[in-house]
C-alpha atoms as a PDB file:
ATOM      1  CA  MET A   1       0.000   0.000   0.000  1.00  0.00           C
ATOM      2  CA  HIS A   2       1.017   3.592  -0.434  1.00  0.00           C
ATOM      3  CA  SER A   3       0.088   6.636   1.604  1.00  0.00           C
ATOM      4  CA  THR A   4      -1.728   9.824   0.731  1.00  0.00           C
ATOM      5  CA  ALA A   5       1.507  11.679   1.364  1.00  0.00           C
ATOM      6  CA  GLU A   6       3.266   9.531  -1.259  1.00  0.00           C
ATOM      7  CA  GLU A   7       0.454  10.218  -3.708  1.00  0.00           C
ATOM      8  CA  ASP A   8       0.863  13.937  -3.130  1.00  0.00           C
ATOM      9  CA  VAL A   9       4.591  13.700  -3.873  1.00  0.00           C
ATOM     10  CA  TRP A  10       3.958  11.734  -7.076  1.00  0.00           C
ATOM     11  CA  LEU A  11       1.257  14.171  -8.123  1.00  0.00           C
ATOM     12  CA  GLY A  12       3.525  17.142  -7.524  1.00  0.00           C
ATOM     13  CA  PHE A  13       6.198  15.517  -9.631  1.00  0.00           C
ATOM     14  CA  ALA A  14       3.756  14.624 -12.420  1.00  0.00           C
ATOM     15  CA  THR A  15       2.715  18.283 -12.453  1.00  0.00           C
ATOM     16  CA  LEU A  16       6.371  19.256 -12.823  1.00  0.00           C
ATOM     17  CA  LEU A  17       6.669  16.930 -15.821  1.00  0.00           C
ATOM     18  CA  ALA A  18       3.593  18.560 -17.367  1.00  0.00           C
ATOM     19  CA  GLN A  19       5.024  22.027 -16.766  1.00  0.00           C
ATOM     20  CA  GLU A  20       8.282  21.042 -18.446  1.00  0.00           C
ATOM     21  CA  SER A  21       6.605  19.528 -21.490  1.00  0.00           C
ATOM     22  CA  GLY A  22       4.175  22.437 -21.703  1.00  0.00           C
ATOM     23  CA  ALA A  23       6.949  25.017 -21.740  1.00  0.00           C
ATOM     24  CA  ILE A  24       8.670  23.229 -24.619  1.00  0.00           C
ATOM     25  CA  LEU A  25       5.432  22.829 -26.574  1.00  0.00           C
ATOM     26  CA  ARG A  26       4.431  26.476 -26.188  1.00  0.00           C
ATOM     27  CA  GLU A  27       7.857  27.579 -27.379  1.00  0.00           C
ATOM     28  CA  ALA A  28       7.593  25.385 -30.483  1.00  0.00           C
ATOM     29  CA  ALA A  29       3.921  25.963 -31.321  1.00  0.00           C
ATOM     30  CA  ALA A  30       4.464  28.695 -33.900  1.00  0.00           C
ATOM     31  CA  VAL A  31       7.155  26.880 -35.922  1.00  0.00           C
ATOM     32  CA  ARG A  32       6.461  24.083 -38.406  1.00  0.00           C
ATOM     33  CA  PRO A  33       8.457  21.083 -37.133  1.00  0.00           C
ATOM     34  CA  ASP A  34      10.701  18.751 -39.090  1.00  0.00           C
ATOM     35  CA  VAL A  35       8.893  15.448 -39.445  1.00  0.00           C
ATOM     36  CA  GLU A  36       9.930  11.818 -39.731  1.00  0.00           C
ATOM     37  CA  ILE A  37       7.645   8.884 -40.493  1.00  0.00           C
ATOM     38  CA  LYS A  38       7.959   5.757 -38.342  1.00  0.00           C
ATOM     39  CA  PRO A  39       7.727   2.220 -39.786  1.00  0.00           C
ATOM     40  CA  ASP A  40       4.055   2.104 -38.700  1.00  0.00           C
ATOM     41  CA  ARG A  41       3.490   5.292 -40.787  1.00  0.00           C
ATOM     42  CA  SER A  42       2.896   7.470 -37.722  1.00  0.00           C
ATOM     43  CA  PHE A  43       4.647  10.820 -37.388  1.00  0.00           C
ATOM     44  CA  VAL A  44       7.450  11.749 -35.015  1.00  0.00           C
ATOM     45  CA  THR A  45       9.273  15.040 -34.555  1.00  0.00           C
ATOM     46  CA  ALA A  46      12.503  15.983 -32.842  1.00  0.00           C
ATOM     47  CA  LEU A  47      10.327  17.711 -30.273  1.00  0.00           C
ATOM     48  CA  ASP A  48       8.793  14.395 -29.142  1.00  0.00           C
ATOM     49  CA  ALA A  49      12.264  13.068 -28.372  1.00  0.00           C
ATOM     50  CA  ARG A  50      13.351  16.315 -26.712  1.00  0.00           C
ATOM     51  CA  ILE A  51      10.395  16.359 -24.328  1.00  0.00           C
ATOM     52  CA  GLU A  52      10.723  12.708 -23.354  1.00  0.00           C
ATOM     53  CA  ARG A  53      14.475  13.081 -22.844  1.00  0.00           C
ATOM     54  CA  ARG A  54      13.874  15.968 -20.440  1.00  0.00           C
ATOM     55  CA  GLN A  55      11.205  14.028 -18.559  1.00  0.00           C
ATOM     56  CA  ARG A  56      13.503  11.030 -18.258  1.00  0.00           C
ATOM     57  CA  GLU A  57      16.290  13.242 -16.902  1.00  0.00           C
ATOM     58  CA  LEU A  58      13.962  14.521 -14.178  1.00  0.00           C
ATOM     59  CA  LEU A  59      12.809  11.006 -13.336  1.00  0.00           C
ATOM     60  CA  ALA A  60      16.398   9.813 -13.041  1.00  0.00           C
ATOM     61  CA  ASP A  61      17.066  12.637 -10.578  1.00  0.00           C
ATOM     62  CA  TYR A  62      13.896  12.347  -8.465  1.00  0.00           C
ATOM     63  CA  PHE A  63      12.869   8.670  -8.687  1.00  0.00           C
ATOM     64  CA  PRO A  64      15.794   6.566  -9.948  1.00  0.00           C
ATOM     65  CA  SER A  65      14.147   3.331  -8.744  1.00  0.00           C
ATOM     66  CA  HIS A  66      10.973   3.893 -10.770  1.00  0.00           C
ATOM     67  CA  GLY A  67      10.505   2.379 -14.211  1.00  0.00           C
ATOM     68  CA  ILE A  68       9.737   4.321 -17.379  1.00  0.00           C
ATOM     69  CA  ILE A  69       7.736   3.385 -20.466  1.00  0.00           C
ATOM     70  CA  GLY A  70       7.789   6.098 -23.104  1.00  0.00           C
ATOM     71  CA  GLU A  71       6.878   6.384 -26.748  1.00  0.00           C
ATOM     72  CA  GLU A  72      10.246   7.509 -28.033  1.00  0.00           C
ATOM     73  CA  GLU A  73      12.810   5.417 -26.135  1.00  0.00           C
ATOM     74  CA  ALA A  74      13.121   1.825 -24.970  1.00  0.00           C
ATOM     75  CA  PRO A  75      11.537   1.014 -21.584  1.00  0.00           C
ATOM     76  CA  THR A  76      13.623   1.352 -18.437  1.00  0.00           C
ATOM     77  CA  ASP A  77      12.651  -1.199 -15.744  1.00  0.00           C
ATOM     78  CA  GLY A  78       9.213  -1.489 -17.334  1.00  0.00           C
ATOM     79  CA  ASP A  79       8.228  -4.283 -14.931  1.00  0.00           C
ATOM     80  CA  ALA A  80       9.033  -2.286 -11.788  1.00  0.00           C
ATOM     81  CA  ASP A  81       6.428  -1.848  -9.054  1.00  0.00           C
ATOM     82  CA  LEU A  82       6.104   1.840  -9.942  1.00  0.00           C
ATOM     83  CA  VAL A  83       6.341   2.804 -13.618  1.00  0.00           C
ATOM     84  CA  TRP A  84       5.863   6.166 -15.289  1.00  0.00           C
ATOM     85  CA  VAL A  85       4.236   6.154 -18.735  1.00  0.00           C
ATOM     86  CA  LEU A  86       5.051   9.087 -21.012  1.00  0.00           C
ATOM     87  CA  ASP A  87       3.644  10.332 -24.304  1.00  0.00           C
ATOM     88  CA  PRO A  88       5.423  13.633 -24.988  1.00  0.00           C
ATOM     89  CA  ILE A  89       3.066  14.718 -27.788  1.00  0.00           C
ATOM     90  CA  ASP A  90      -0.224  12.885 -28.137  1.00  0.00           C
ATOM     91  CA  GLY A  91      -1.762  13.966 -31.428  1.00  0.00           C
ATOM     92  CA  THR A  92       1.494  14.513 -33.298  1.00  0.00           C
ATOM     93  CA  ALA A  93      -0.313  14.835 -36.638  1.00  0.00           C
ATOM     94  CA  ALA A  94      -2.488  17.587 -35.149  1.00  0.00           C
ATOM     95  CA  PHE A  95       0.646  19.293 -33.798  1.00  0.00           C
ATOM     96  CA  ILE A  96       2.266  19.197 -37.243  1.00  0.00           C
ATOM     97  CA  ALA A  97      -0.907  20.582 -38.828  1.00  0.00           C
ATOM     98  CA  GLY A  98      -1.249  23.320 -36.194  1.00  0.00           C
ATOM     99  CA  LEU A  99      -4.537  22.068 -34.729  1.00  0.00           C
ATOM    100  CA  PRO A 100      -4.466  22.796 -30.973  1.00  0.00           C
ATOM    101  CA  VAL A 101      -5.866  19.477 -29.759  1.00  0.00           C
ATOM    102  CA  TYR A 102      -2.460  17.910 -29.055  1.00  0.00           C
ATOM    103  CA  GLY A 103      -1.070  17.518 -25.561  1.00  0.00           C
ATOM    104  CA  SER A 104       1.221  15.572 -23.272  1.00  0.00           C
ATOM    105  CA  LEU A 105       0.162  12.445 -21.411  1.00  0.00           C
ATOM    106  CA  ILE A 106       1.683  11.390 -18.103  1.00  0.00           C
ATOM    107  CA  ALA A 107       0.705   8.388 -15.998  1.00  0.00           C
ATOM    108  CA  LEU A 108       2.027   6.516 -12.999  1.00  0.00           C
ATOM    109  CA  MET A 109       1.288   2.802 -12.734  1.00  0.00           C
ATOM    110  CA  LYS A 110       1.514   0.764  -9.560  1.00  0.00           C
ATOM    111  CA  GLU A 111       1.750  -2.990 -10.091  1.00  0.00           C
ATOM    112  CA  GLY A 112       0.540  -2.507 -13.654  1.00  0.00           C
ATOM    113  CA  GLU A 113      -2.525  -0.375 -12.832  1.00  0.00           C
ATOM    114  CA  PRO A 114      -2.624   3.351 -13.690  1.00  0.00           C
ATOM    115  CA  ILE A 115      -3.179   5.214 -10.425  1.00  0.00           C
ATOM    116  CA  LEU A 116      -2.346   8.750 -11.533  1.00  0.00           C
ATOM    117  CA  GLY A 117      -2.878  10.497 -14.842  1.00  0.00           C
ATOM    118  CA  ILE A 118      -2.494  13.910 -16.439  1.00  0.00           C
ATOM    119  CA  ILE A 119      -3.792  15.152 -19.781  1.00  0.00           C
ATOM    120  CA  ASP A 120      -2.042  18.472 -20.387  1.00  0.00           C
ATOM    121  CA  HIS A 121      -2.903  20.857 -23.233  1.00  0.00           C
ATOM    122  CA  PRO A 122      -0.603  23.854 -22.834  1.00  0.00           C
ATOM    123  CA  ILE A 123      -1.818  25.676 -25.954  1.00  0.00           C
ATOM    124  CA  THR A 124      -5.456  25.780 -24.819  1.00  0.00           C
ATOM    125  CA  GLY A 125      -4.617  25.984 -21.116  1.00  0.00           C
ATOM    126  CA  ASP A 126      -6.441  22.782 -20.197  1.00  0.00           C
ATOM    127  CA  ARG A 127      -5.158  20.221 -17.709  1.00  0.00           C
ATOM    128  CA  TRP A 128      -7.081  17.219 -16.402  1.00  0.00           C
ATOM    129  CA  VAL A 129      -5.692  15.370 -13.399  1.00  0.00           C
ATOM    130  CA  GLY A 130      -6.834  12.055 -11.995  1.00  0.00           C
ATOM    131  CA  VAL A 131      -5.640  10.144  -8.945  1.00  0.00           C
ATOM    132  CA  LYS A 132      -7.188   6.811  -7.985  1.00  0.00           C
ATOM    133  CA  GLY A 133      -9.759   7.335  -5.236  1.00  0.00           C
ATOM    134  CA  ARG A 134      -9.901  11.109  -5.669  1.00  0.00           C
ATOM    135  CA  PRO A 135     -12.180  13.393  -7.708  1.00  0.00           C
ATOM    136  CA  THR A 136     -10.790  14.317 -11.110  1.00  0.00           C
ATOM    137  CA  THR A 137      -9.948  17.976 -11.643  1.00  0.00           C
ATOM    138  CA  HIS A 138      -9.909  20.242 -14.669  1.00  0.00           C
ATOM    139  CA  ASN A 139      -7.636  23.230 -14.119  1.00  0.00           C
ATOM    140  CA  GLY A 140      -7.752  22.598 -10.393  1.00  0.00           C
ATOM    141  CA  ARG A 141     -11.529  22.311 -10.038  1.00  0.00           C
ATOM    142  CA  PRO A 142     -13.472  19.042  -9.682  1.00  0.00           C
ATOM    143  CA  CYS A 143     -15.152  17.898 -12.878  1.00  0.00           C
ATOM    144  CA  ARG A 144     -17.741  15.211 -13.603  1.00  0.00           C
ATOM    145  CA  THR A 145     -19.035  13.258 -16.532  1.00  0.00           C
ATOM    146  CA  ARG A 146     -22.657  13.812 -17.482  1.00  0.00           C
ATOM    147  CA  ALA A 147     -25.679  11.538 -17.513  1.00  0.00           C
ATOM    148  CA  CYS A 148     -26.840  10.331 -20.920  1.00  0.00           C
ATOM    149  CA  GLY A 149     -30.302   8.831 -21.170  1.00  0.00           C
ATOM    150  CA  ALA A 150     -29.659   6.681 -24.238  1.00  0.00           C
ATOM    151  CA  LEU A 151     -26.861   5.871 -26.655  1.00  0.00           C
ATOM    152  CA  GLY A 152     -28.941   7.560 -29.335  1.00  0.00           C
ATOM    153  CA  GLU A 153     -28.432  10.851 -27.483  1.00  0.00           C
ATOM    154  CA  ALA A 154     -24.663  10.466 -27.135  1.00  0.00           C
ATOM    155  CA  ILE A 155     -21.828  12.466 -28.662  1.00  0.00           C
ATOM    156  CA  LEU A 156     -19.135   9.944 -29.599  1.00  0.00           C
ATOM    157  CA  SER A 157     -15.452  10.709 -30.208  1.00  0.00           C
ATOM    158  CA  ALA A 158     -12.865   8.647 -32.057  1.00  0.00           C
ATOM    159  CA  SER A 159      -9.304   9.658 -32.837  1.00  0.00           C
ATOM    160  CA  ASN A 160      -9.421   8.699 -36.517  1.00  0.00           C
ATOM    161  CA  PRO A 161     -11.740   6.399 -38.498  1.00  0.00           C
ATOM    162  CA  ASP A 162      -8.699   5.382 -40.562  1.00  0.00           C
ATOM    163  CA  PHE A 163      -7.298   3.589 -37.500  1.00  0.00           C
ATOM    164  CA  PHE A 164      -9.985   0.894 -37.660  1.00  0.00           C
ATOM    165  CA  ASP A 165      -9.046  -2.210 -39.640  1.00  0.00           C
ATOM    166  CA  GLU A 166     -11.362  -4.462 -41.645  1.00  0.00           C
ATOM    167  CA  GLU A 167     -12.309  -6.518 -38.589  1.00  0.00           C
ATOM    168  CA  GLU A 168     -13.023  -3.450 -36.453  1.00  0.00           C
ATOM    169  CA  THR A 169     -14.869  -1.263 -38.961  1.00  0.00           C
ATOM    170  CA  PRO A 170     -18.259  -2.970 -38.408  1.00  0.00           C
ATOM    171  CA  ALA A 171     -18.046  -2.024 -34.721  1.00  0.00           C
ATOM    172  CA  LEU A 172     -17.261   1.593 -35.629  1.00  0.00           C
ATOM    173  CA  ASP A 173     -20.122   1.643 -38.128  1.00  0.00           C
ATOM    174  CA  ALA A 174     -22.473   0.324 -35.448  1.00  0.00           C
ATOM    175  CA  MET A 175     -21.326   3.056 -33.057  1.00  0.00           C
ATOM    176  CA  ARG A 176     -21.894   5.666 -35.748  1.00  0.00           C
ATOM    177  CA  ALA A 177     -25.410   4.417 -36.364  1.00  0.00           C
ATOM    178  CA  ALA A 178     -26.257   4.181 -32.655  1.00  0.00           C
ATOM    179  CA  THR A 179     -25.058   7.625 -31.524  1.00  0.00           C
ATOM    180  CA  ALA A 180     -26.348  11.124 -32.169  1.00  0.00           C
ATOM    181  CA  TRP A 181     -23.124  12.756 -33.309  1.00  0.00           C
ATOM    182  CA  ARG A 182     -19.465  11.931 -33.941  1.00  0.00           C
ATOM    183  CA  ILE A 183     -16.347  14.001 -33.259  1.00  0.00           C
ATOM    184  CA  TRP A 184     -13.141  12.987 -35.069  1.00  0.00           C
ATOM    185  CA  GLY A 185      -9.531  13.976 -34.487  1.00  0.00           C
ATOM    186  CA  GLY A 186      -9.635  15.235 -30.911  1.00  0.00           C
ATOM    187  CA  ALA A 187      -6.679  13.088 -29.768  1.00  0.00           C
ATOM    188  CA  CYS A 188      -6.299  13.014 -25.984  1.00  0.00           C
ATOM    189  CA  MET A 189      -8.397  16.153 -25.568  1.00  0.00           C
ATOM    190  CA  SER A 190     -11.463  14.011 -26.346  1.00  0.00           C
ATOM    191  CA  PHE A 191     -10.963  12.061 -23.123  1.00  0.00           C
ATOM    192  CA  GLY A 192     -10.572  15.200 -21.052  1.00  0.00           C
ATOM    193  CA  LEU A 193     -13.776  16.566 -22.547  1.00  0.00           C
ATOM    194  CA  LEU A 194     -15.517  13.282 -21.732  1.00  0.00           C
ATOM    195  CA  ALA A 195     -14.357  13.578 -18.117  1.00  0.00           C
ATOM    196  CA  GLY A 196     -15.719  17.115 -17.993  1.00  0.00           C
ATOM    197  CA  GLY A 197     -19.162  16.186 -19.315  1.00  0.00           C
ATOM    198  CA  ARG A 198     -18.854  17.773 -22.752  1.00  0.00           C
ATOM    199  CA  THR A 199     -19.092  14.471 -24.655  1.00  0.00           C
ATOM    200  CA  ASP A 200     -20.572  11.091 -23.769  1.00  0.00           C
ATOM    201  CA  ALA A 201     -18.487   8.274 -25.249  1.00  0.00           C
ATOM    202  CA  ALA A 202     -15.118   7.482 -26.817  1.00  0.00           C
ATOM    203  CA  PHE A 203     -14.192   4.563 -29.056  1.00  0.00           C
ATOM    204  CA  ASP A 204     -10.651   3.951 -30.266  1.00  0.00           C
ATOM    205  CA  THR A 205      -8.173   1.430 -31.612  1.00  0.00           C
ATOM    206  CA  ARG A 206      -4.548   1.185 -32.800  1.00  0.00           C
ATOM    207  CA  LEU A 207      -3.354   2.671 -29.527  1.00  0.00           C
ATOM    208  CA  LYS A 208      -0.361   1.910 -27.322  1.00  0.00           C
ATOM    209  CA  LEU A 209      -0.106   2.017 -23.526  1.00  0.00           C
ATOM    210  CA  TRP A 210       1.237   5.584 -23.514  1.00  0.00           C
ATOM    211  CA  ASP A 211      -1.775   6.700 -25.561  1.00  0.00           C
ATOM    212  CA  PHE A 212      -4.305   5.789 -22.861  1.00  0.00           C
ATOM    213  CA  ALA A 213      -2.687   4.984 -19.482  1.00  0.00           C
ATOM    214  CA  PRO A 214      -3.634   8.361 -17.899  1.00  0.00           C
ATOM    215  CA  PHE A 215      -7.268   8.043 -18.938  1.00  0.00           C
ATOM    216  CA  ARG A 216      -8.270   5.429 -16.366  1.00  0.00           C
ATOM    217  CA  PRO A 217      -7.798   7.511 -13.185  1.00  0.00           C
ATOM    218  CA  ILE A 218      -9.123  10.608 -14.983  1.00  0.00           C
ATOM    219  CA  ILE A 219     -12.298   9.004 -16.361  1.00  0.00           C
ATOM    220  CA  GLU A 220     -13.020   6.902 -13.261  1.00  0.00           C
ATOM    221  CA  GLY A 221     -12.409   9.838 -10.913  1.00  0.00           C
ATOM    222  CA  ALA A 222     -14.981  11.836 -12.871  1.00  0.00           C
ATOM    223  CA  GLY A 223     -17.649   9.126 -12.576  1.00  0.00           C
ATOM    224  CA  GLY A 224     -17.175   7.414 -15.928  1.00  0.00           C
ATOM    225  CA  VAL A 225     -16.056   3.979 -17.087  1.00  0.00           C
ATOM    226  CA  ILE A 226     -13.127   3.084 -19.339  1.00  0.00           C
ATOM    227  CA  THR A 227     -12.124  -0.424 -20.444  1.00  0.00           C
ATOM    228  CA  ASP A 228     -10.932  -2.371 -23.446  1.00  0.00           C
ATOM    229  CA  TRP A 229     -13.512  -3.575 -25.966  1.00  0.00           C
ATOM    230  CA  GLU A 230     -14.139  -6.699 -23.889  1.00  0.00           C
ATOM    231  CA  GLY A 231     -14.895  -4.768 -20.726  1.00  0.00           C
ATOM    232  CA  GLN A 232     -11.579  -5.400 -18.968  1.00  0.00           C
ATOM    233  CA  PRO A 233     -10.035  -2.554 -16.915  1.00  0.00           C
ATOM    234  CA  ILE A 234      -7.121  -0.602 -18.358  1.00  0.00           C
ATOM    235  CA  THR A 235      -3.785  -2.044 -17.213  1.00  0.00           C
ATOM    236  CA  ARG A 236      -0.248  -2.494 -18.518  1.00  0.00           C
ATOM    237  CA  GLU A 237      -1.529  -5.545 -20.425  1.00  0.00           C
ATOM    238  CA  THR A 238      -4.344  -3.752 -22.288  1.00  0.00           C
ATOM    239  CA  GLY A 239      -4.194  -4.085 -26.056  1.00  0.00           C
ATOM    240  CA  LYS A 240      -4.884  -1.510 -28.759  1.00  0.00           C
ATOM    241  CA  ARG A 241      -8.673  -1.137 -28.332  1.00  0.00           C
ATOM    242  CA  ILE A 242     -10.335   1.030 -25.687  1.00  0.00           C
ATOM    243  CA  MET A 243     -13.767   2.509 -25.026  1.00  0.00           C
ATOM    244  CA  ALA A 244     -15.126   4.931 -22.458  1.00  0.00           C
ATOM    245  CA  ALA A 245     -18.429   6.447 -21.442  1.00  0.00           C
ATOM    246  CA  GLY A 246     -19.401   9.114 -18.969  1.00  0.00           C
ATOM    247  CA  ASP A 247     -22.582   7.258 -18.020  1.00  0.00           C
ATOM    248  CA  PRO A 248     -21.936   3.645 -16.866  1.00  0.00           C
ATOM    249  CA  ALA A 249     -25.201   2.510 -18.471  1.00  0.00           C
ATOM    250  CA  ARG A 250     -24.022   3.793 -21.851  1.00  0.00           C
ATOM    251  CA  HIS A 251     -20.762   1.911 -21.429  1.00  0.00           C
ATOM    252  CA  ARG A 252     -22.771  -1.277 -20.982  1.00  0.00           C
ATOM    253  CA  ASP A 253     -24.659  -0.407 -24.184  1.00  0.00           C
ATOM    254  CA  MET A 254     -21.362   0.022 -26.024  1.00  0.00           C
ATOM    255  CA  LEU A 255     -20.090  -3.338 -24.825  1.00  0.00           C
ATOM    256  CA  ARG A 256     -23.256  -5.063 -26.019  1.00  0.00           C
ATOM    257  CA  LEU A 257     -23.000  -3.353 -29.391  1.00  0.00           C
ATOM    258  CA  VAL A 258     -19.381  -4.390 -29.874  1.00  0.00           C
ATOM    259  CA  GLY A 259     -20.246  -7.931 -28.822  1.00  0.00           C
ATOM    260  CA  THR A 260     -22.822  -8.193 -31.605  1.00  0.00           C
ATOM    261  CA  THR A 261     -20.580  -6.808 -34.344  1.00  0.00           C
ATOM    262  CA  MET A 262     -17.086  -8.215 -33.720  1.00  0.00           C
ATOM    263  CA  LYS A 263     -16.205 -11.670 -35.013  1.00  0.00           C
ATOM    264  CA  ARG A 264     -15.224 -14.058 -32.219  1.00  0.00           C
END
């Protein structure tokens, strides 16, 4: 077990990481970055590597016994009891295009479960913070998901419809047909907006641990539910598919819908 005092220390440090990444992102926001394309056809910039390198330096100074899993470098003690998960720029394509929905993601996992998460958007001035067992905050104030009477009334977000492969597209099509409206391309901001009651559901695939680890404490602390497509909680072992809903009843609806459309 860990104490509240330990949580406060970890939270203070996670905030420092967000401040560091935010300062670098604000400085670079007005300049078109040099871009490389990874083997999986995703984008990466020198800025991604710069931010993660700085965060790793701070972690080495403050918590040398903690593990690190980041997008840009190989894991360091990834099976440790306490592991930080870092995504220096979530929504890199949006960053390259100049759309201000990109941000930094920071999570702390204990025994493979995310217990602390930050979604930080320095350009818009939005920061969502979740700690297991505590109310989620948006810019320092508690925030909550909203009730949604039926899936047909829901606003659904998905990062990109192009991410869904041939097997998964029927599930996305079913979600499109079942919901009132769809929002594309919001990256990690979509999950902060869900936690704050602005949207109702999120449905995504082709993600890695650093893309979603912070979302569990943030969504759960705001009253919502987030799992993989089979209803299992988000952990270090979660695969590429996740879903979330602000209203637990709508999450159950989403699970049933996926169960009827995915091949088993």
